[in-house]
C-alpha atoms as a PDB file:
ATOM      1  CA  MET A   1       8.606  -2.670  17.828  1.00  0.00           C
ATOM      2  CA  CYS A   2       8.410  -5.138  14.913  1.00  0.00           C
ATOM      3  CA  GLY A   3      10.813  -6.497  13.302  1.00  0.00           C
ATOM      4  CA  ILE A   4      11.908  -6.041   8.776  1.00  0.00           C
ATOM      5  CA  VAL A   5      13.657  -8.032   6.676  1.00  0.00           C
ATOM      6  CA  GLY A   6      14.959  -7.672   3.109  1.00  0.00           C
ATOM      7  CA  LEU A   7      16.903  -9.705   0.951  1.00  0.00           C
ATOM      8  CA  PHE A   8      18.142  -9.130  -2.461  1.00  0.00           C
ATOM      9  CA  LEU A   9      19.847 -11.844  -4.218  1.00  0.00           C
ATOM     10  CA  LYS A  10      22.129 -11.741  -7.183  1.00  0.00           C
ATOM     11  CA  ARG A  11      23.329 -14.620  -7.740  1.00  0.00           C
ATOM     12  CA  GLU A  12      20.689 -16.729 -10.305  1.00  0.00           C
ATOM     13  CA  ASP A  13      21.434 -20.061  -7.927  1.00  0.00           C
ATOM     14  CA  LEU A  14      20.702 -18.189  -4.644  1.00  0.00           C
ATOM     15  CA  ARG A  15      17.655 -18.227  -6.292  1.00  0.00           C
ATOM     16  CA  PRO A  16      16.270 -21.647  -4.823  1.00  0.00           C
ATOM     17  CA  ARG A  17      17.864 -20.629  -1.904  1.00  0.00           C
ATOM     18  CA  LEU A  18      15.592 -17.000  -0.681  1.00  0.00           C
ATOM     19  CA  GLY A  19      12.088 -18.326   0.714  1.00  0.00           C
ATOM     20  CA  ASP A  20      14.757 -20.465   3.086  1.00  0.00           C
ATOM     21  CA  MET A  21      16.850 -17.601   3.907  1.00  0.00           C
ATOM     22  CA  LEU A  22      14.029 -15.344   4.443  1.00  0.00           C
ATOM     23  CA  THR A  23      12.392 -16.954   6.901  1.00  0.00           C
ATOM     24  CA  ASP A  24      15.599 -18.270   9.242  1.00  0.00           C
ATOM     25  CA  MET A  25      15.810 -13.989   8.921  1.00  0.00           C
ATOM     26  CA  LEU A  26      12.434 -13.103  10.169  1.00  0.00           C
ATOM     27  CA  ILE A  27      12.108 -15.789  12.663  1.00  0.00           C
ATOM     28  CA  THR A  28      14.794 -14.774  13.944  1.00  0.00           C
ATOM     29  CA  MET A  29      13.067 -10.913  14.628  1.00  0.00           C
ATOM     30  CA  THR A  30      10.125 -13.292  16.172  1.00  0.00           C
ATOM     31  CA  ASP A  31      10.417 -11.122  19.828  1.00  0.00           C
ATOM     32  CA  ARG A  32      10.057  -7.892  17.956  1.00  0.00           C
ATOM     33  CA  GLY A  33       6.555  -8.087  17.180  1.00  0.00           C
ATOM     34  CA  PRO A  34       4.749 -11.906  17.593  1.00  0.00           C
ATOM     35  CA  ASP A  35       1.017 -11.191  17.222  1.00  0.00           C
ATOM     36  CA  SER A  36       1.007 -11.628  12.968  1.00  0.00           C
ATOM     37  CA  ALA A  37       3.761 -12.212  10.275  1.00  0.00           C
ATOM     38  CA  GLY A  38       4.109 -12.114   6.463  1.00  0.00           C
ATOM     39  CA  ILE A  39       6.620 -12.416   3.372  1.00  0.00           C
ATOM     40  CA  ALA A  40       6.363 -11.329  -0.063  1.00  0.00           C
ATOM     41  CA  ILE A  41       8.754 -13.325  -2.420  1.00  0.00           C
ATOM     42  CA  TYR A  42       9.256 -11.818  -6.035  1.00  0.00           C
ATOM     43  CA  GLY A  43       9.913 -14.968  -8.279  1.00  0.00           C
ATOM     44  CA  ASP A  44       9.440 -16.338 -11.608  1.00  0.00           C
ATOM     45  CA  GLU A  45       7.691 -14.563 -14.325  1.00  0.00           C
ATOM     46  CA  ASP A  46       4.835 -16.480 -17.051  1.00  0.00           C
ATOM     47  CA  GLY A  47       3.748 -13.551 -18.884  1.00  0.00           C
ATOM     48  CA  GLY A  48       0.709 -12.731 -17.382  1.00  0.00           C
ATOM     49  CA  LEU A  49      -0.409 -12.075 -13.676  1.00  0.00           C
ATOM     50  CA  LYS A  50      -0.311 -13.215 -10.337  1.00  0.00           C
ATOM     51  CA  MET A  51      -3.439 -12.150  -7.427  1.00  0.00           C
ATOM     52  CA  THR A  52      -2.641 -13.399  -4.197  1.00  0.00           C
ATOM     53  CA  VAL A  53      -6.277 -13.731  -2.582  1.00  0.00           C
ATOM     54  CA  GLN A  54      -6.658 -14.674   1.130  1.00  0.00           C
ATOM     55  CA  SER A  55      -9.750 -16.295   2.671  1.00  0.00           C
ATOM     56  CA  ASP A  56     -10.569 -17.590   6.143  1.00  0.00           C
ATOM     57  CA  THR A  57     -13.153 -20.586   4.778  1.00  0.00           C
ATOM     58  CA  PRO A  58     -10.623 -21.695   2.424  1.00  0.00           C
ATOM     59  CA  GLU A  59     -11.942 -24.131   2.044  1.00  0.00           C
ATOM     60  CA  VAL A  60     -15.244 -22.809   1.058  1.00  0.00           C
ATOM     61  CA  THR A  61     -14.495 -19.940  -0.930  1.00  0.00           C
ATOM     62  CA  PHE A  62     -11.833 -21.460  -2.680  1.00  0.00           C
ATOM     63  CA  ASP A  63     -13.854 -24.515  -4.424  1.00  0.00           C
ATOM     64  CA  GLY A  64     -15.094 -23.396  -8.009  1.00  0.00           C
ATOM     65  CA  LEU A  65     -12.943 -20.377  -7.620  1.00  0.00           C
ATOM     66  CA  GLU A  66     -10.915 -21.452 -10.879  1.00  0.00           C
ATOM     67  CA  ALA A  67     -13.237 -21.958 -12.806  1.00  0.00           C
ATOM     68  CA  ALA A  68     -15.888 -19.388 -11.644  1.00  0.00           C
ATOM     69  CA  LEU A  69     -13.245 -16.699 -11.982  1.00  0.00           C
ATOM     70  CA  ALA A  70     -12.392 -18.023 -16.047  1.00  0.00           C
ATOM     71  CA  ALA A  71     -16.252 -18.449 -16.974  1.00  0.00           C
ATOM     72  CA  ALA A  72     -16.064 -14.593 -15.617  1.00  0.00           C
ATOM     73  CA  LEU A  73     -13.139 -13.495 -17.629  1.00  0.00           C
ATOM     74  CA  GLY A  74     -13.812 -15.670 -20.624  1.00  0.00           C
ATOM     75  CA  GLN A  75     -10.179 -16.442 -19.997  1.00  0.00           C
ATOM     76  CA  LYS A  76      -7.983 -19.138 -19.204  1.00  0.00           C
ATOM     77  CA  VAL A  77      -7.734 -18.984 -15.037  1.00  0.00           C
ATOM     78  CA  THR A  78      -5.174 -21.471 -13.160  1.00  0.00           C
ATOM     79  CA  MET A  79      -5.170 -21.367  -8.974  1.00  0.00           C
ATOM     80  CA  LYS A  80      -2.443 -22.941  -6.619  1.00  0.00           C
ATOM     81  CA  VAL A  81      -4.135 -22.763  -3.133  1.00  0.00           C
ATOM     82  CA  ILE A  82      -1.314 -22.361  -0.058  1.00  0.00           C
ATOM     83  CA  ALA A  83      -3.535 -22.643   3.142  1.00  0.00           C
ATOM     84  CA  THR A  84      -5.829 -20.209   2.991  1.00  0.00           C
ATOM     85  CA  HIS A  85      -4.130 -18.045  -0.034  1.00  0.00           C
ATOM     86  CA  ALA A  86      -4.420 -18.725  -3.030  1.00  0.00           C
ATOM     87  CA  VAL A  87      -2.521 -17.159  -6.171  1.00  0.00           C
ATOM     88  CA  LEU A  88      -4.713 -17.315  -9.227  1.00  0.00           C
ATOM     89  CA  ALA A  89      -2.925 -16.874 -12.621  1.00  0.00           C
ATOM     90  CA  ILE A  90      -4.671 -14.366 -14.658  1.00  0.00           C
ATOM     91  CA  PRO A  91      -3.878 -12.701 -18.556  1.00  0.00           C
ATOM     92  CA  ALA A  92      -2.522  -9.336 -18.104  1.00  0.00           C
ATOM     93  CA  ASP A  93      -5.205  -7.067 -19.372  1.00  0.00           C
ATOM     94  CA  ALA A  94      -7.324  -8.795 -16.362  1.00  0.00           C
ATOM     95  CA  GLU A  95      -6.443  -7.007 -13.166  1.00  0.00           C
ATOM     96  CA  ALA A  96      -9.155  -4.622 -12.909  1.00  0.00           C
ATOM     97  CA  ALA A  97     -12.168  -7.639 -13.905  1.00  0.00           C
ATOM     98  CA  ALA A  98     -10.368  -9.927 -11.199  1.00  0.00           C
ATOM     99  CA  ARG A  99     -10.075  -7.422  -8.662  1.00  0.00           C
ATOM    100  CA  ALA A 100     -14.213  -6.542  -9.230  1.00  0.00           C
ATOM    101  CA  PHE A 101     -15.205 -10.193  -9.411  1.00  0.00           C
ATOM    102  CA  MET A 102     -12.957 -10.755  -5.591  1.00  0.00           C
ATOM    103  CA  THR A 103     -14.697  -7.093  -4.269  1.00  0.00           C
ATOM    104  CA  GLU A 104     -18.054  -8.922  -5.368  1.00  0.00           C
ATOM    105  CA  ARG A 105     -17.738 -12.170  -3.696  1.00  0.00           C
ATOM    106  CA  GLY A 106     -16.233 -10.417  -0.304  1.00  0.00           C
ATOM    107  CA  ILE A 107     -12.878 -12.087  -1.441  1.00  0.00           C
ATOM    108  CA  ARG A 108      -9.222 -10.252  -0.393  1.00  0.00           C
ATOM    109  CA  VAL A 109      -7.306  -9.356  -2.266  1.00  0.00           C
ATOM    110  CA  MET A 110      -3.274  -9.208  -0.681  1.00  0.00           C
ATOM    111  CA  GLY A 111      -1.117  -8.401  -3.922  1.00  0.00           C
ATOM    112  CA  VAL A 112      -0.589  -8.713  -7.777  1.00  0.00           C
ATOM    113  CA  GLY A 113       1.878  -8.807  -9.764  1.00  0.00           C
ATOM    114  CA  SER A 114       3.783 -10.589 -12.814  1.00  0.00           C
ATOM    115  CA  THR A 115       6.855 -11.454  -9.986  1.00  0.00           C
ATOM    116  CA  MET A 116       5.331 -10.672  -6.386  1.00  0.00           C
ATOM    117  CA  GLU A 117       3.392 -13.965  -3.759  1.00  0.00           C
ATOM    118  CA  ILE A 118       1.945 -11.903  -1.010  1.00  0.00           C
ATOM    119  CA  PHE A 119       1.698 -14.127   1.992  1.00  0.00           C
ATOM    120  CA  LYS A 120       0.278 -12.973   5.703  1.00  0.00           C
ATOM    121  CA  GLU A 121      -1.185 -14.293   8.414  1.00  0.00           C
ATOM    122  CA  ILE A 122      -1.536 -13.981  12.678  1.00  0.00           C
ATOM    123  CA  GLY A 123       0.522 -16.039  14.024  1.00  0.00           C
ATOM    124  CA  LEU A 124       4.233 -16.193  14.631  1.00  0.00           C
ATOM    125  CA  PRO A 125       6.403 -15.741  11.681  1.00  0.00           C
ATOM    126  CA  LYS A 126       7.745 -19.866  12.461  1.00  0.00           C
ATOM    127  CA  ASP A 127       3.832 -20.981  11.874  1.00  0.00           C
ATOM    128  CA  VAL A 128       3.808 -18.511   9.122  1.00  0.00           C
ATOM    129  CA  ALA A 129       6.448 -19.661   7.562  1.00  0.00           C
ATOM    130  CA  ALA A 130       5.609 -23.263   7.416  1.00  0.00           C
ATOM    131  CA  ARG A 131       1.572 -22.437   6.841  1.00  0.00           C
ATOM    132  CA  PHE A 132       2.882 -21.413   3.456  1.00  0.00           C
ATOM    133  CA  GLY A 133       6.041 -23.724   3.014  1.00  0.00           C
ATOM    134  CA  ILE A 134       7.798 -20.339   2.792  1.00  0.00           C
ATOM    135  CA  ARG A 135      11.352 -22.353   3.015  1.00  0.00           C
ATOM    136  CA  ALA A 136      10.972 -24.012  -0.197  1.00  0.00           C
ATOM    137  CA  MET A 137      10.077 -20.716  -2.401  1.00  0.00           C
ATOM    138  CA  GLY A 138      12.825 -19.849  -4.638  1.00  0.00           C
ATOM    139  CA  GLY A 139      13.341 -15.980  -6.618  1.00  0.00           C
ATOM    140  CA  SER A 140      15.275 -12.987  -6.738  1.00  0.00           C
ATOM    141  CA  HIS A 141      14.350 -11.266  -4.236  1.00  0.00           C
ATOM    142  CA  GLY A 142      11.904 -10.883  -1.126  1.00  0.00           C
ATOM    143  CA  ILE A 143      11.019  -8.888   2.158  1.00  0.00           C
ATOM    144  CA  GLY A 144       9.312  -9.373   5.960  1.00  0.00           C
ATOM    145  CA  HIS A 145       7.524  -8.224   7.999  1.00  0.00           C
ATOM    146  CA  THR A 146       6.707  -9.628  12.036  1.00  0.00           C
ATOM    147  CA  ARG A 147       4.250  -7.254  13.860  1.00  0.00           C
ATOM    148  CA  MET A 148       3.561  -5.797  17.309  1.00  0.00           C
ATOM    149  CA  ALA A 149       0.447  -4.203  16.591  1.00  0.00           C
ATOM    150  CA  THR A 150       0.228  -0.348  18.315  1.00  0.00           C
ATOM    151  CA  GLU A 151      -2.406   1.363  15.942  1.00  0.00           C
ATOM    152  CA  SER A 152      -4.805  -0.691  14.474  1.00  0.00           C
ATOM    153  CA  ALA A 153      -6.341  -4.991  15.347  1.00  0.00           C
ATOM    154  CA  VAL A 154      -4.183  -8.117  14.760  1.00  0.00           C
ATOM    155  CA  THR A 155      -5.556  -9.071  11.837  1.00  0.00           C
ATOM    156  CA  THR A 156      -4.347 -10.887   8.266  1.00  0.00           C
ATOM    157  CA  LEU A 157      -5.248  -7.935   6.850  1.00  0.00           C
ATOM    158  CA  GLY A 158      -3.913  -5.880   9.014  1.00  0.00           C
ATOM    159  CA  ALA A 159      -0.311  -8.085   8.668  1.00  0.00           C
ATOM    160  CA  HIS A 160       2.503  -6.522   6.735  1.00  0.00           C
ATOM    161  CA  PRO A 161       3.312  -6.680   4.158  1.00  0.00           C
ATOM    162  CA  PHE A 162       1.134  -4.160   1.946  1.00  0.00           C
ATOM    163  CA  SER A 163       0.915  -4.424  -1.464  1.00  0.00           C
ATOM    164  CA  THR A 164      -1.080  -1.320  -3.164  1.00  0.00           C
ATOM    165  CA  GLY A 165       0.406  -1.633  -6.399  1.00  0.00           C
ATOM    166  CA  ASP A 166       1.060  -4.066  -8.992  1.00  0.00           C
ATOM    167  CA  ASP A 167       4.987  -5.670  -7.509  1.00  0.00           C
ATOM    168  CA  GLN A 168       4.665  -3.368  -4.984  1.00  0.00           C
ATOM    169  CA  CYS A 169       4.750  -4.002  -1.105  1.00  0.00           C
ATOM    170  CA  LEU A 170       5.838  -2.105   1.380  1.00  0.00           C
ATOM    171  CA  VAL A 171       6.752  -2.606   5.514  1.00  0.00           C
ATOM    172  CA  HIS A 172       7.358  -0.034   7.746  1.00  0.00           C
ATOM    173  CA  ASN A 173       9.104  -0.717  11.382  1.00  0.00           C
ATOM    174  CA  GLY A 174       7.390   2.473  13.096  1.00  0.00           C
ATOM    175  CA  SER A 175       4.280   4.950  13.355  1.00  0.00           C
ATOM    176  CA  LEU A 176       3.363   7.790  11.046  1.00  0.00           C
ATOM    177  CA  SER A 177       1.618  10.763  12.959  1.00  0.00           C
ATOM    178  CA  ASN A 178      -0.356  11.978   9.930  1.00  0.00           C
ATOM    179  CA  HIS A 179      -1.612   9.258   8.774  1.00  0.00           C
ATOM    180  CA  ASN A 180      -5.343  10.302   8.605  1.00  0.00           C
ATOM    181  CA  GLN A 181      -4.314  13.765   6.715  1.00  0.00           C
ATOM    182  CA  MET A 182      -3.073  12.135   4.546  1.00  0.00           C
ATOM    183  CA  ARG A 183      -5.395   9.222   3.781  1.00  0.00           C
ATOM    184  CA  ARG A 184      -7.463  12.091   2.662  1.00  0.00           C
ATOM    185  CA  VAL A 185      -5.439  13.019   0.505  1.00  0.00           C
ATOM    186  CA  LEU A 186      -4.754   9.714  -1.158  1.00  0.00           C
ATOM    187  CA  THR A 187      -7.871   8.520  -1.582  1.00  0.00           C
ATOM    188  CA  ALA A 188      -8.389  12.190  -3.418  1.00  0.00           C
ATOM    189  CA  LYS A 189      -6.001  10.696  -5.595  1.00  0.00           C
ATOM    190  CA  GLY A 190      -7.663   7.531  -5.903  1.00  0.00           C
ATOM    191  CA  PHE A 191      -4.940   5.525  -3.865  1.00  0.00           C
ATOM    192  CA  ALA A 192      -7.221   5.086  -0.993  1.00  0.00           C
ATOM    193  CA  PRO A 193      -6.468   2.512   2.492  1.00  0.00           C
ATOM    194  CA  LEU A 194      -8.552   0.260   2.637  1.00  0.00           C
ATOM    195  CA  THR A 195      -7.743  -0.757   6.568  1.00  0.00           C
ATOM    196  CA  GLN A 196      -6.988   1.821   9.735  1.00  0.00           C
ATOM    197  CA  ASN A 197      -3.208   0.815   9.764  1.00  0.00           C
ATOM    198  CA  ASP A 198      -0.966   3.570   9.637  1.00  0.00           C
ATOM    199  CA  THR A 199       1.641   1.570   7.043  1.00  0.00           C
ATOM    200  CA  GLU A 200      -0.652   0.491   4.654  1.00  0.00           C
ATOM    201  CA  VAL A 201      -0.888   4.736   4.868  1.00  0.00           C
ATOM    202  CA  ALA A 202       2.481   4.381   3.598  1.00  0.00           C
ATOM    203  CA  ALA A 203       2.487   2.227   1.500  1.00  0.00           C
ATOM    204  CA  CYS A 204      -0.574   4.019  -0.850  1.00  0.00           C
ATOM    205  CA  TYR A 205       1.665   7.109  -1.149  1.00  0.00           C
ATOM    206  CA  ILE A 206       4.684   5.168  -2.806  1.00  0.00           C
ATOM    207  CA  SER A 207       1.863   3.870  -5.247  1.00  0.00           C
ATOM    208  CA  SER A 208       1.070   7.380  -6.118  1.00  0.00           C
ATOM    209  CA  ARG A 209       4.411   8.589  -6.941  1.00  0.00           C
ATOM    210  CA  LEU A 210       5.297   5.723  -8.551  1.00  0.00           C
ATOM    211  CA  ALA A 211       2.055   6.771 -10.589  1.00  0.00           C
ATOM    212  CA  GLU A 212       2.913   9.814 -11.023  1.00  0.00           C
ATOM    213  CA  GLY A 213       6.478   8.568 -12.985  1.00  0.00           C
ATOM    214  CA  ALA A 214       8.432   8.939  -9.798  1.00  0.00           C
ATOM    215  CA  ASN A 215      11.275   6.274  -9.557  1.00  0.00           C
ATOM    216  CA  LEU A 216      11.561   3.815  -6.976  1.00  0.00           C
ATOM    217  CA  GLY A 217      14.611   6.457  -5.187  1.00  0.00           C
ATOM    218  CA  GLN A 218      12.402   9.826  -5.834  1.00  0.00           C
ATOM    219  CA  ALA A 219       9.450   8.179  -4.120  1.00  0.00           C
ATOM    220  CA  LEU A 220      10.911   7.054  -1.149  1.00  0.00           C
ATOM    221  CA  GLU A 221      12.550  10.402  -0.949  1.00  0.00           C
ATOM    222  CA  GLY A 222       9.109  12.173  -1.093  1.00  0.00           C
ATOM    223  CA  THR A 223       8.616  10.125   1.914  1.00  0.00           C
ATOM    224  CA  LEU A 224      11.319  12.588   4.468  1.00  0.00           C
ATOM    225  CA  ASP A 225       8.879  15.398   3.564  1.00  0.00           C
ATOM    226  CA  ASP A 226       5.455  14.108   3.560  1.00  0.00           C
ATOM    227  CA  LEU A 227       5.078  11.428   6.295  1.00  0.00           C
ATOM    228  CA  ASP A 228       5.858  12.825   9.630  1.00  0.00           C
ATOM    229  CA  GLY A 229       6.347  10.912  12.310  1.00  0.00           C
ATOM    230  CA  PHE A 230       9.504   8.176  12.910  1.00  0.00           C
ATOM    231  CA  PHE A 231       9.537   5.376  10.335  1.00  0.00           C
ATOM    232  CA  THR A 232      12.235   2.703   8.660  1.00  0.00           C
ATOM    233  CA  PHE A 233      10.319   1.677   5.141  1.00  0.00           C
ATOM    234  CA  VAL A 234      11.838  -1.242   3.357  1.00  0.00           C
ATOM    235  CA  VAL A 235       9.992  -1.151   0.005  1.00  0.00           C
ATOM    236  CA  GLY A 236       9.981  -4.282  -2.870  1.00  0.00           C
ATOM    237  CA  THR A 237       9.055  -3.519  -6.374  1.00  0.00           C
ATOM    238  CA  LYS A 238       9.462  -6.429  -9.257  1.00  0.00           C
ATOM    239  CA  ASN A 239      13.114  -4.935 -10.067  1.00  0.00           C
ATOM    240  CA  GLY A 240      14.762  -4.604  -6.500  1.00  0.00           C
ATOM    241  CA  PHE A 241      14.148  -3.366  -3.066  1.00  0.00           C
ATOM    242  CA  GLY A 242      14.684   0.164  -1.090  1.00  0.00           C
ATOM    243  CA  VAL A 243      15.056   1.611   2.481  1.00  0.00           C
ATOM    244  CA  VAL A 244      14.535   4.849   3.792  1.00  0.00           C
ATOM    245  CA  ARG A 245      14.825   6.265   7.852  1.00  0.00           C
ATOM    246  CA  ASP A 246      12.854   8.657   9.126  1.00  0.00           C
ATOM    247  CA  PRO A 247      15.293  11.875  10.092  1.00  0.00           C
ATOM    248  CA  VAL A 248      15.675  10.873  13.648  1.00  0.00           C
ATOM    249  CA  ALA A 249      16.196   7.396  13.021  1.00  0.00           C
ATOM    250  CA  CYS A 250      15.409   5.707  16.094  1.00  0.00           C
ATOM    251  CA  LYS A 251      13.616   2.629  14.845  1.00  0.00           C
ATOM    252  CA  PRO A 252      16.722  -0.105  14.795  1.00  0.00           C
ATOM    253  CA  ALA A 253      18.496  -1.084  11.545  1.00  0.00           C
ATOM    254  CA  VAL A 254      21.494  -2.707   9.919  1.00  0.00           C
ATOM    255  CA  MET A 255      22.230  -3.756   6.423  1.00  0.00           C
ATOM    256  CA  ALA A 256      24.757  -6.401   4.772  1.00  0.00           C
ATOM    257  CA  GLU A 257      26.087  -6.615   1.228  1.00  0.00           C
ATOM    258  CA  THR A 258      28.266  -9.222  -0.127  1.00  0.00           C
ATOM    259  CA  GLU A 259      29.057 -10.481  -4.011  1.00  0.00           C
ATOM    260  CA  ASP A 260      25.822 -12.632  -3.404  1.00  0.00           C
ATOM    261  CA  TYR A 261      23.382 -10.360  -1.945  1.00  0.00           C
ATOM    262  CA  VAL A 262      22.405  -7.313  -0.016  1.00  0.00           C
ATOM    263  CA  ALA A 263      20.268  -7.970   3.009  1.00  0.00           C
ATOM    264  CA  PHE A 264      18.386  -6.062   5.838  1.00  0.00           C
ATOM    265  CA  GLY A 265      17.251  -6.251   9.005  1.00  0.00           C
ATOM    266  CA  SER A 266      16.512  -4.928  12.323  1.00  0.00           C
ATOM    267  CA  GLU A 267      18.610  -6.309  14.130  1.00  0.00           C
ATOM    268  CA  TYR A 268      21.862  -7.732  12.953  1.00  0.00           C
ATOM    269  CA  ARG A 269      21.087 -11.041  14.514  1.00  0.00           C
ATOM    270  CA  ALA A 270      18.350 -11.201  12.057  1.00  0.00           C
ATOM    271  CA  PHE A 271      21.782 -12.226   9.383  1.00  0.00           C
ATOM    272  CA  ALA A 272      23.549 -14.977  11.824  1.00  0.00           C
ATOM    273  CA  LYS A 273      22.585 -17.893   9.424  1.00  0.00           C
ATOM    274  CA  LEU A 274      23.887 -15.916   5.551  1.00  0.00           C
ATOM    275  CA  PRO A 275      26.395 -17.434   3.533  1.00  0.00           C
ATOM    276  CA  GLY A 276      29.783 -15.447   3.686  1.00  0.00           C
ATOM    277  CA  ILE A 277      28.199 -12.730   6.038  1.00  0.00           C
ATOM    278  CA  GLU A 278      31.895 -12.672   8.380  1.00  0.00           C
ATOM    279  CA  THR A 279      32.828 -11.114   5.225  1.00  0.00           C
ATOM    280  CA  ALA A 280      29.622  -8.934   4.501  1.00  0.00           C
ATOM    281  CA  ARG A 281      29.825  -5.430   4.647  1.00  0.00           C
ATOM    282  CA  VAL A 282      28.230  -3.852   7.408  1.00  0.00           C
ATOM    283  CA  TRP A 283      26.613  -0.421   8.027  1.00  0.00           C
ATOM    284  CA  GLU A 284      23.998   1.168   9.613  1.00  0.00           C
ATOM    285  CA  PRO A 285      21.658   2.925   7.085  1.00  0.00           C
ATOM    286  CA  GLU A 286      22.088   7.081   7.731  1.00  0.00           C
ATOM    287  CA  PRO A 287      19.164   8.966   8.389  1.00  0.00           C
ATOM    288  CA  ALA A 288      16.992  10.595   5.898  1.00  0.00           C
ATOM    289  CA  THR A 289      18.462   9.011   2.845  1.00  0.00           C
ATOM    290  CA  VAL A 290      17.685   6.841   0.558  1.00  0.00           C
ATOM    291  CA  TYR A 291      19.322   3.053  -0.441  1.00  0.00           C
ATOM    292  CA  PHE A 292      17.776   1.287  -2.890  1.00  0.00           C
ATOM    293  CA  TRP A 293      18.994  -1.840  -5.536  1.00  0.00           C
ATOM    294  CA  GLU A 294      17.670  -3.020  -8.506  1.00  0.00           C
ATOM    295  CA  ARG A 295      17.968  -5.693 -11.250  1.00  0.00           C
END
């Protein structure tokens, strides 16, 4: 089943409310998938990169991590610990070295970007959102997911969103039938999925297309030709977000747009607490049709 939400704010003065609105939307979708939940928030840019990492033993893993990474990079690093996650601010040219540092120490990287932070864990959306203080987070846009595991184990790494490129992440409702074949193709291109989740294959596919020079719309269109199965994808990037459904479009999806925002939900009730929803243009995304909004 699974539940997806997305919110793209058009008004700057709404940015402080992004986390609060996304949290309400995701909690409303809880009964579509209570196994795990996650949210990606696109916030302020500070000239460097934000690397979100996760540990099952944060009190041990994060102790001294800031100083150790700074010493390894030979550059300034700052760290903000949020429950089982930490957001590290690193220089823009230090991503590869920082990733190697984390791999060497067995620390999971949730995502990297100049604006994106990702928080995901096992548990109900209300508990996951409370654990990370999502309601207090501001930003320009974000996407979220509550999962009912069908094709892989209930784990933190199996939770959505999946990030396989800088400032890019994806959430998915549905199932892919050719993900093992695509896994081999993507691995050969240098975009190897790390989990058994078919959604990560889709995220890697989007990353590979963007790396080849496609824009977000073109990358989403490519999923219609190259990925088999039934799916609704919502993809977040630094500049916005996009939506595409498979040609059959058997998974529920609805969108709403006002002068203030564009919203996506697996069901209309996800929009219930959004301001001005009563005057929004509301529609069901067409099958095999790409929708995307960017700044």
